[in-house]
Amino acid sequence: MKILLDEGKHGVVQGEQLLDGLNTGMARPSRRDFLGNYCEEAIVDCVTRMSRREWLTEVAAVGTAAALKSSGAVRAQAPAGARRLDLHHHFGSPRWIKRVLEVKRQGWQQFQTYTPANAIAAMDAAGVSTAFVSCTEPGVWFGDDFAKERQEAISLARDMNEYGARMMADYKGRFGLFAVLPLPDIDASLREIEYAFDTLEADGVGLLTSYGTVWLGDPTLRPVFEELNRRNAVVYSHPTDATCCHALLPNTSPGTVEWQTDTARAIFGVINDSGGTTSEATRYPNIRFVWSHAGGTLIGLMNRFVGSANLAPEALARTPAPDSRLHHLRRFYYDTAQSTNPLQLGALKGLVGVGQIVFGADYPYSTIVNHVEGLQTVGFSAEELRGIDRENALKILPRYR
């Protein structure tokens, strides 16, 4: 059966797309809930297009799904003792995954078998109670011609966010959502912020470090950051390779060098106060930034970022000057994804303090368990590990206490 909803403020939505959830291990909610996030105002019209036989078939399917859910076929509750909060955990809607598999950007293979149910299994094995899902690179833009892709990117961001909200509903308590924004489109991003927070109840937003030739910290993005600051938002960031830098080194994938460097560019863009200007970090003190991969190449650039005088032992022992670069670096958060080694995390602890490090495992690009095991080798105390696993994240995500 194919249901075609009227085109309203959310555009044309086909029932075949909405039913994709059943093929990915997700439970079918009630009919009203199932369609509500997409085009609730069209439900009545949709029903009138269906024959009585089709409607009864749908009702029976809903009952079957409910029975499966109650019998444990869909597992929502975390295992006893699971307590980790994973702030670097990727997901994809069927529509987004289809596009990724067509384009074949780096890492596309990991999404060939992605389902929320598989993610839950990996979380359970690693003692993760809740994972905050976000879109990995290239986000919702698959080329460098943003004008050409604009409408598709805006639509795909909405699709991803609604799919993430369905995961939150179907696996209650297991997933949070860092919503996708179609930056650098300012107006569309402001509309998506409103929808994501006010309707979908997202936990924050997930941004890329750059969009074409615009990095986080660029003044053109201020309307979006002003709204995020007003909402006291969590802003998680994931690296990508900018237009300039897809293939700077021969025989070298962007993930080897460029992504980590793009994170450092974005961090500096946000804290840059050169020439006596006010940094974007100072402008937006209510935003809780979370940077991927332990800050990328931040550690190698810290002397350039804050100056050698601020890195002397006695300087690091003092409270940084208000709104200084070091002040902001020490209020940001950094996840552990692909960084669970004593050199990187040990240096990060010395720069920002262990209280700013949060657990992140980069699923489906890791097993999650390998990050849990890696953290045991870094030299953190049991108390510090408890903070990284959960308590540090609760400072910015308190509703998960």
Protein backbone atom coordinates (compact mmCIF):
# COMPACT_ATOMS: atom_id res chain seq x y z
CA MET A 1 0.00 0.00 0.00
CA LYS A 2 1.21 3.47 -0.82
CA ILE A 3 -0.09 6.45 1.16
CA LEU A 4 0.40 9.90 -0.32
CA LEU A 5 -0.11 12.78 2.05
CA ASP A 6 -1.09 16.22 0.81
CA GLU A 7 1.73 18.67 0.38
CA GLY A 8 1.70 21.01 3.35
CA LYS A 9 4.33 22.81 5.33
CA HIS A 10 6.39 19.60 5.51
CA GLY A 11 6.21 18.82 1.80
CA VAL A 12 5.03 15.62 0.12
CA VAL A 13 5.53 12.52 2.25
CA GLN A 14 4.89 9.03 1.01
CA GLY A 15 3.73 6.23 3.22
CA GLU A 16 6.43 3.93 1.90
CA GLN A 17 9.01 6.25 3.45
CA LEU A 18 7.16 6.29 6.75
CA LEU A 19 6.99 2.53 6.89
CA ASP A 20 10.75 2.19 6.51
CA GLY A 21 11.03 2.04 10.27
CA LEU A 22 9.63 -1.50 10.32
CA ASN A 23 12.43 -2.62 8.03
CA THR A 24 15.06 -1.26 10.43
CA GLY A 25 13.88 -2.98 13.57
CA MET A 26 11.85 -0.06 14.93
CA ALA A 27 8.46 -0.59 16.55
CA ARG A 28 5.39 0.77 14.84
CA PRO A 29 3.70 3.43 16.99
CA SER A 30 0.03 4.32 16.81
CA ARG A 31 -1.17 5.61 13.50
CA ARG A 32 -1.50 9.16 14.79
CA ASP A 33 1.98 9.09 16.33
CA PHE A 34 3.38 7.40 13.24
CA LEU A 35 2.32 10.21 10.96
CA GLY A 36 2.23 13.06 13.44
CA ASN A 37 5.80 14.26 13.07
CA TYR A 38 5.49 14.41 9.31
CA CYS A 39 2.12 15.93 8.50
CA GLU A 40 -0.39 15.60 11.31
CA GLU A 41 -2.84 17.94 9.69
CA ALA A 42 -3.15 15.58 6.72
CA ILE A 43 -4.12 12.43 8.63
CA VAL A 44 -7.84 12.80 8.14
CA ASP A 45 -7.41 13.45 4.45
CA CYS A 46 -5.06 10.47 4.22
CA VAL A 47 -7.57 8.15 5.85
CA THR A 48 -10.34 9.19 3.47
CA ARG A 49 -8.22 8.00 0.55
CA MET A 50 -7.95 4.48 1.97
CA SER A 51 -10.43 1.70 1.44
CA ARG A 52 -11.99 0.03 4.48
CA ARG A 53 -9.94 -3.09 3.74
CA GLU A 54 -6.70 -1.08 3.67
CA TRP A 55 -7.56 0.67 6.92
CA LEU A 56 -8.34 -2.61 8.69
CA THR A 57 -5.08 -4.05 7.41
CA GLU A 58 -3.23 -1.10 8.93
CA VAL A 59 -5.00 -1.50 12.27
CA ALA A 60 -4.10 -5.19 12.36
CA ALA A 61 -0.46 -4.38 11.63
CA VAL A 62 -0.37 -1.87 14.47
CA GLY A 63 -1.76 -4.51 16.84
CA THR A 64 0.85 -7.03 15.73
CA ALA A 65 3.67 -4.54 16.29
CA ALA A 66 2.33 -3.72 19.73
CA ALA A 67 2.26 -7.40 20.63
CA LEU A 68 5.84 -7.86 19.44
CA LYS A 69 6.94 -4.87 21.47
CA SER A 70 5.28 -6.12 24.64
CA SER A 71 6.82 -9.55 24.15
CA GLY A 72 10.33 -8.09 24.10
CA ALA A 73 10.96 -8.19 20.35
CA VAL A 74 11.86 -4.51 20.56
CA ARG A 75 14.08 -3.84 23.54
CA ALA A 76 14.01 -0.34 24.95
CA GLN A 77 15.23 -0.75 28.52
CA ALA A 78 18.96 -0.52 29.11
CA PRO A 79 20.64 -3.53 30.75
CA ALA A 80 21.11 -3.41 34.51
CA GLY A 81 24.22 -1.41 35.34
CA ALA A 82 24.41 0.44 32.02
CA ARG A 83 25.29 4.03 32.82
CA ARG A 84 27.43 5.51 30.04
CA LEU A 85 26.21 8.47 28.02
CA ASP A 86 27.60 8.40 24.48
CA LEU A 87 27.81 11.88 22.95
CA HIS A 88 29.43 10.83 19.67
CA HIS A 89 27.07 8.32 18.08
CA HIS A 90 25.95 8.53 14.46
CA PHE A 91 22.67 7.54 12.83
CA GLY A 92 21.00 7.77 9.46
CA SER A 93 17.44 7.72 8.18
CA PRO A 94 16.76 5.31 5.30
CA ARG A 95 16.66 8.29 2.93
CA TRP A 96 20.00 9.65 4.15
CA ILE A 97 21.63 6.23 4.04
CA LYS A 98 20.42 5.71 0.46
CA ARG A 99 22.12 8.96 -0.54
CA VAL A 100 25.33 8.08 1.30
CA LEU A 101 25.54 4.72 -0.42
CA GLU A 102 25.07 6.43 -3.78
CA VAL A 103 27.77 9.05 -3.22
CA LYS A 104 30.20 6.74 -1.37
CA ARG A 105 31.89 9.35 0.82
CA GLN A 106 34.54 8.03 3.17
CA GLY A 107 33.03 5.62 5.68
CA TRP A 108 29.89 4.83 3.68
CA GLN A 109 30.40 1.09 4.13
CA GLN A 110 29.54 1.26 7.84
CA PHE A 111 26.01 2.36 7.01
CA GLN A 112 25.22 -0.55 4.71
CA THR A 113 23.91 -2.57 7.65
CA TYR A 114 22.94 0.25 10.01
CA THR A 115 19.74 -0.11 12.02
CA PRO A 116 18.73 1.34 15.37
CA ALA A 117 18.40 -2.22 16.67
CA ASN A 118 22.05 -2.94 15.78
CA ALA A 119 23.06 0.28 17.53
CA ILE A 120 21.16 -0.80 20.66
CA ALA A 121 23.00 -4.13 20.64
CA ALA A 122 26.39 -2.37 20.50
CA MET A 123 25.30 0.00 23.26
CA ASP A 124 24.17 -2.87 25.48
CA ALA A 125 27.49 -4.66 25.04
CA ALA A 126 29.36 -1.52 26.10
CA GLY A 127 27.17 -0.50 29.02
CA VAL A 128 25.79 2.59 27.28
CA SER A 129 22.43 3.66 28.66
CA THR A 130 21.78 6.52 26.23
CA ALA A 131 23.41 7.58 22.96
CA PHE A 132 22.90 11.06 21.55
CA VAL A 133 22.59 10.57 17.82
CA SER A 134 24.06 13.00 15.32
CA CYS A 135 24.70 13.15 11.59
CA THR A 136 28.25 12.44 10.50
CA GLU A 137 29.98 14.16 7.59
CA PRO A 138 29.06 15.27 4.96
CA GLY A 139 25.87 16.19 6.80
CA VAL A 140 23.02 16.88 4.39
CA TRP A 141 25.22 18.36 1.64
CA PHE A 142 26.85 15.88 -0.74
CA GLY A 143 28.67 18.32 -3.01
CA ASP A 144 30.09 21.81 -3.03
CA ASP A 145 27.27 23.51 -4.98
CA PHE A 146 25.06 24.57 -2.08
CA ALA A 147 22.65 26.52 -4.27
CA LYS A 148 21.97 23.42 -6.36
CA GLU A 149 21.42 21.19 -3.32
CA ARG A 150 19.61 23.71 -1.11
CA GLN A 151 16.07 22.38 -1.21
CA GLU A 152 17.17 18.76 -0.95
CA ALA A 153 19.43 19.55 2.02
CA ILE A 154 16.67 21.41 3.86
CA SER A 155 14.27 18.52 3.29
CA LEU A 156 16.86 15.92 4.27
CA ALA A 157 17.64 17.72 7.52
CA ARG A 158 13.95 17.54 8.45
CA ASP A 159 13.82 13.87 7.49
CA MET A 160 16.84 13.07 9.65
CA ASN A 161 15.49 14.95 12.64
CA GLU A 162 12.09 13.29 12.46
CA TYR A 163 13.73 9.89 12.14
CA GLY A 164 15.88 10.64 15.18
CA ALA A 165 12.77 11.66 17.11
CA ARG A 166 11.13 8.36 16.16
CA MET A 167 14.16 6.51 17.50
CA MET A 168 13.77 8.41 20.77
CA ALA A 169 10.10 7.42 20.95
CA ASP A 170 10.53 3.79 19.91
CA TYR A 171 13.47 3.16 22.24
CA LYS A 172 12.47 5.30 25.17
CA GLY A 173 15.48 6.53 27.10
CA ARG A 174 18.04 4.89 24.83
CA PHE A 175 18.53 7.71 22.36
CA GLY A 176 18.82 11.47 22.55
CA LEU A 177 18.98 13.76 19.52
CA PHE A 178 21.47 16.36 18.37
CA ALA A 179 19.41 17.81 15.54
CA VAL A 180 20.75 18.43 12.04
CA LEU A 181 20.70 22.01 10.73
CA PRO A 182 20.89 22.85 7.01
CA LEU A 183 23.63 25.43 7.49
CA PRO A 184 24.86 27.65 5.90
CA ASP A 185 21.22 28.47 5.05
CA ILE A 186 20.39 30.80 7.94
CA ASP A 187 16.61 31.08 7.56
CA ALA A 188 16.11 27.35 7.06
CA SER A 189 18.35 26.61 10.04
CA LEU A 190 16.38 28.97 12.28
CA ARG A 191 13.16 27.22 11.27
CA GLU A 192 14.75 23.84 11.99
CA ILE A 193 15.97 24.98 15.41
CA GLU A 194 12.44 25.96 16.34
CA TYR A 195 10.97 22.68 15.10
CA ALA A 196 13.70 20.50 16.59
CA PHE A 197 13.54 22.00 20.08
CA ASP A 198 9.87 22.92 20.38
CA THR A 199 8.27 19.97 18.57
CA LEU A 200 10.78 17.13 18.55
CA GLU A 201 12.30 18.00 21.95
CA ALA A 202 15.87 17.61 20.71
CA ASP A 203 18.72 17.67 23.24
CA GLY A 204 20.90 19.96 21.16
CA VAL A 205 22.15 20.44 17.62
CA GLY A 206 24.87 18.69 15.70
CA LEU A 207 26.89 20.92 13.39
CA LEU A 208 29.76 20.34 11.01
CA THR A 209 33.00 22.22 11.60
CA SER A 210 32.64 23.92 8.23
CA TYR A 211 30.21 24.43 5.38
CA GLY A 212 31.92 25.12 2.07
CA THR A 213 34.07 28.18 2.84
CA VAL A 214 32.34 29.03 6.13
CA TRP A 215 33.72 27.73 9.43
CA LEU A 216 32.05 27.82 12.82
CA GLY A 217 32.82 31.23 14.25
CA ASP A 218 32.12 33.03 10.98
CA PRO A 219 30.10 36.21 11.57
CA THR A 220 27.59 35.19 8.88
CA LEU A 221 26.36 32.45 11.23
CA ARG A 222 25.55 34.84 14.07
CA PRO A 223 21.75 34.76 13.73
CA VAL A 224 21.83 31.00 14.28
CA PHE A 225 24.24 31.19 17.22
CA GLU A 226 22.25 34.00 18.79
CA GLU A 227 19.19 31.75 18.81
CA LEU A 228 21.17 28.78 20.12
CA ASN A 229 22.61 30.99 22.85
CA ARG A 230 19.09 32.19 23.76
CA ARG A 231 18.07 28.55 24.15
CA ASN A 232 21.15 27.58 26.21
CA ALA A 233 21.75 24.91 23.60
CA VAL A 234 24.24 22.07 23.49
CA VAL A 235 26.16 22.40 20.22
CA TYR A 236 27.96 19.22 19.23
CA SER A 237 30.39 19.54 16.32
CA HIS A 238 31.70 16.94 13.90
CA PRO A 239 34.53 17.51 11.42
CA THR A 240 34.37 17.37 7.66
CA ASP A 241 36.68 18.24 4.78
CA ALA A 242 35.96 21.73 3.49
CA THR A 243 35.76 22.69 -0.19
CA CYS A 244 39.41 23.68 -0.16
CA CYS A 245 40.70 20.47 1.26
CA HIS A 246 39.08 17.33 -0.15
CA ALA A 247 42.35 15.92 -1.47
CA LEU A 248 45.27 18.02 -0.27
CA LEU A 249 47.60 15.04 0.14
CA PRO A 250 47.84 12.28 -2.44
CA ASN A 251 46.72 8.81 -1.36
CA THR A 252 45.44 10.23 1.94
CA SER A 253 41.81 10.08 3.01
CA PRO A 254 40.35 13.22 4.61
CA GLY A 255 39.80 11.37 7.87
CA THR A 256 43.51 10.82 8.34
CA VAL A 257 44.57 14.46 8.68
CA GLU A 258 41.99 16.91 7.42
CA TRP A 259 39.03 16.18 9.69
CA GLN A 260 41.09 16.61 12.84
CA THR A 261 42.56 19.83 11.49
CA ASP A 262 39.13 21.17 10.53
CA THR A 263 38.04 20.69 14.14
CA ALA A 264 40.99 22.81 15.28
CA ARG A 265 40.11 25.47 12.69
CA ALA A 266 36.55 25.61 14.00
CA ILE A 267 37.66 25.81 17.63
CA PHE A 268 40.00 28.69 16.83
CA GLY A 269 37.28 30.39 14.80
CA VAL A 270 35.08 30.38 17.87
CA ILE A 271 37.73 31.59 20.37
CA ASN A 272 39.58 33.99 18.06
CA ASP A 273 39.79 37.45 19.61
CA SER A 274 42.67 38.76 17.53
CA GLY A 275 42.94 42.52 17.15
CA GLY A 276 40.86 43.17 20.24
CA THR A 277 37.69 41.76 18.70
CA THR A 278 35.10 39.95 20.77
CA SER A 279 35.28 36.22 20.12
CA GLU A 280 32.18 34.27 19.18
CA ALA A 281 32.67 32.20 22.33
CA THR A 282 32.42 35.38 24.40
CA ARG A 283 29.36 36.52 22.47
CA TYR A 284 27.55 33.27 23.23
CA PRO A 285 28.36 32.23 26.80
CA ASN A 286 25.23 30.08 27.14
CA ILE A 287 26.14 27.67 24.36
CA ARG A 288 27.67 24.41 25.60
CA PHE A 289 30.11 23.35 22.86
CA VAL A 290 31.15 19.70 22.47
CA TRP A 291 34.10 19.05 20.14
CA SER A 292 34.80 15.67 18.55
CA HIS A 293 37.88 13.47 18.75
CA ALA A 294 39.38 15.17 21.83
CA GLY A 295 39.50 18.46 19.94
CA GLY A 296 41.26 17.11 16.85
CA THR A 297 44.66 18.74 16.43
CA LEU A 298 44.00 21.24 19.24
CA ILE A 299 46.68 19.68 21.45
CA GLY A 300 49.37 20.15 18.81
CA LEU A 301 48.31 23.77 18.32
CA MET A 302 47.70 24.82 21.91
CA ASN A 303 50.86 26.95 22.06
CA ARG A 304 49.67 28.84 18.96
CA PHE A 305 46.15 29.19 20.33
CA VAL A 306 46.84 30.46 23.85
CA GLY A 307 50.54 31.37 23.93
CA SER A 308 53.38 29.69 25.77
CA ALA A 309 53.03 31.93 28.85
CA ASN A 310 49.56 30.51 29.47
CA LEU A 311 50.87 26.95 29.29
CA ALA A 312 53.47 27.24 32.05
CA PRO A 313 52.63 25.00 35.02
CA GLU A 314 51.88 27.94 37.32
CA ALA A 315 49.63 29.52 34.67
CA LEU A 316 47.71 26.30 34.11
CA ALA A 317 47.17 26.04 37.87
CA ARG A 318 45.46 29.43 37.94
CA THR A 319 41.91 30.29 36.87
CA PRO A 320 42.16 31.79 33.36
CA ALA A 321 41.21 35.40 32.78
CA PRO A 322 37.48 35.83 32.01
CA ASP A 323 36.66 35.39 28.31
CA SER A 324 40.26 34.59 27.45
CA ARG A 325 40.99 31.88 24.93
CA LEU A 326 42.07 29.49 27.67
CA HIS A 327 38.91 30.33 29.63
CA HIS A 328 36.77 29.22 26.71
CA LEU A 329 38.85 26.14 25.96
CA ARG A 330 38.28 25.14 29.58
CA ARG A 331 34.52 25.62 29.40
CA PHE A 332 34.13 23.59 26.19
CA TYR A 333 33.62 19.81 26.27
CA TYR A 334 35.57 17.22 24.27
CA ASP A 335 34.59 13.65 23.46
CA THR A 336 36.82 10.60 23.49
CA ALA A 337 35.96 9.29 20.00
CA GLN A 338 38.97 7.68 18.30
CA SER A 339 41.20 9.22 20.99
CA THR A 340 41.39 6.71 23.84
CA ASN A 341 45.14 6.79 24.34
CA PRO A 342 47.24 8.22 27.19
CA LEU A 343 49.12 10.74 25.07
CA GLN A 344 46.11 12.53 23.61
CA LEU A 345 43.76 12.37 26.58
CA GLY A 346 46.55 12.94 29.09
CA ALA A 347 47.50 16.19 27.33
CA LEU A 348 43.84 17.21 27.02
CA LYS A 349 43.36 16.66 30.75
CA GLY A 350 46.33 18.92 31.44
CA LEU A 351 44.95 21.66 29.22
CA VAL A 352 41.23 21.71 30.08
CA GLY A 353 40.75 19.39 33.05
CA VAL A 354 39.23 15.92 33.14
CA GLY A 355 35.83 17.37 34.01
CA GLN A 356 35.46 18.61 30.42
CA ILE A 357 35.97 15.17 28.82
CA VAL A 358 32.87 13.17 27.86
CA PHE A 359 32.42 9.68 26.51
CA GLY A 360 32.00 9.32 22.76
CA ALA A 361 32.67 6.25 20.66
CA ASP A 362 31.95 7.16 17.01
CA TYR A 363 29.47 4.35 16.32
CA PRO A 364 29.10 2.79 13.72
CA TYR A 365 32.79 3.43 13.05
CA SER A 366 33.66 1.60 16.25
CA THR A 367 32.28 -1.21 18.37
CA ILE A 368 31.90 1.17 21.36
CA VAL A 369 33.38 -1.61 23.52
CA ASN A 370 36.82 -0.81 22.10
CA HIS A 371 36.51 2.73 23.49
CA VAL A 372 35.49 1.46 26.91
CA GLU A 373 38.52 -0.80 26.92
CA GLY A 374 40.81 1.94 25.58
CA LEU A 375 39.86 4.31 28.38
CA GLN A 376 41.08 1.75 30.90
CA THR A 377 44.63 2.20 29.55
CA VAL A 378 44.83 5.99 29.77
CA GLY A 379 45.60 6.21 33.49
CA PHE A 380 42.41 7.86 34.73
CA SER A 381 41.27 7.13 38.27
CA ALA A 382 38.00 5.32 38.91
CA GLU A 383 36.41 8.63 39.90
CA GLU A 384 37.66 10.32 36.73
CA LEU A 385 36.30 7.48 34.61
CA ARG A 386 32.90 7.82 36.27
CA GLY A 387 32.94 11.46 35.30
CA ILE A 388 33.87 10.73 31.69
CA ASP A 389 31.34 7.93 31.39
CA ARG A 390 28.40 9.92 32.71
CA GLU A 391 28.71 12.68 35.28
CA ASN A 392 30.50 15.24 33.10
CA ALA A 393 27.83 14.97 30.41
CA LEU A 394 25.04 15.41 32.95
CA LYS A 395 26.30 18.92 33.60
CA ILE A 396 25.03 19.89 30.15
CA LEU A 397 22.31 17.24 29.74
CA PRO A 398 20.68 17.23 33.19
CA ARG A 399 17.38 15.70 32.14
CA TYR A 400 19.14 12.33 31.86
CA ARG A 401 19.91 12.13 35.58
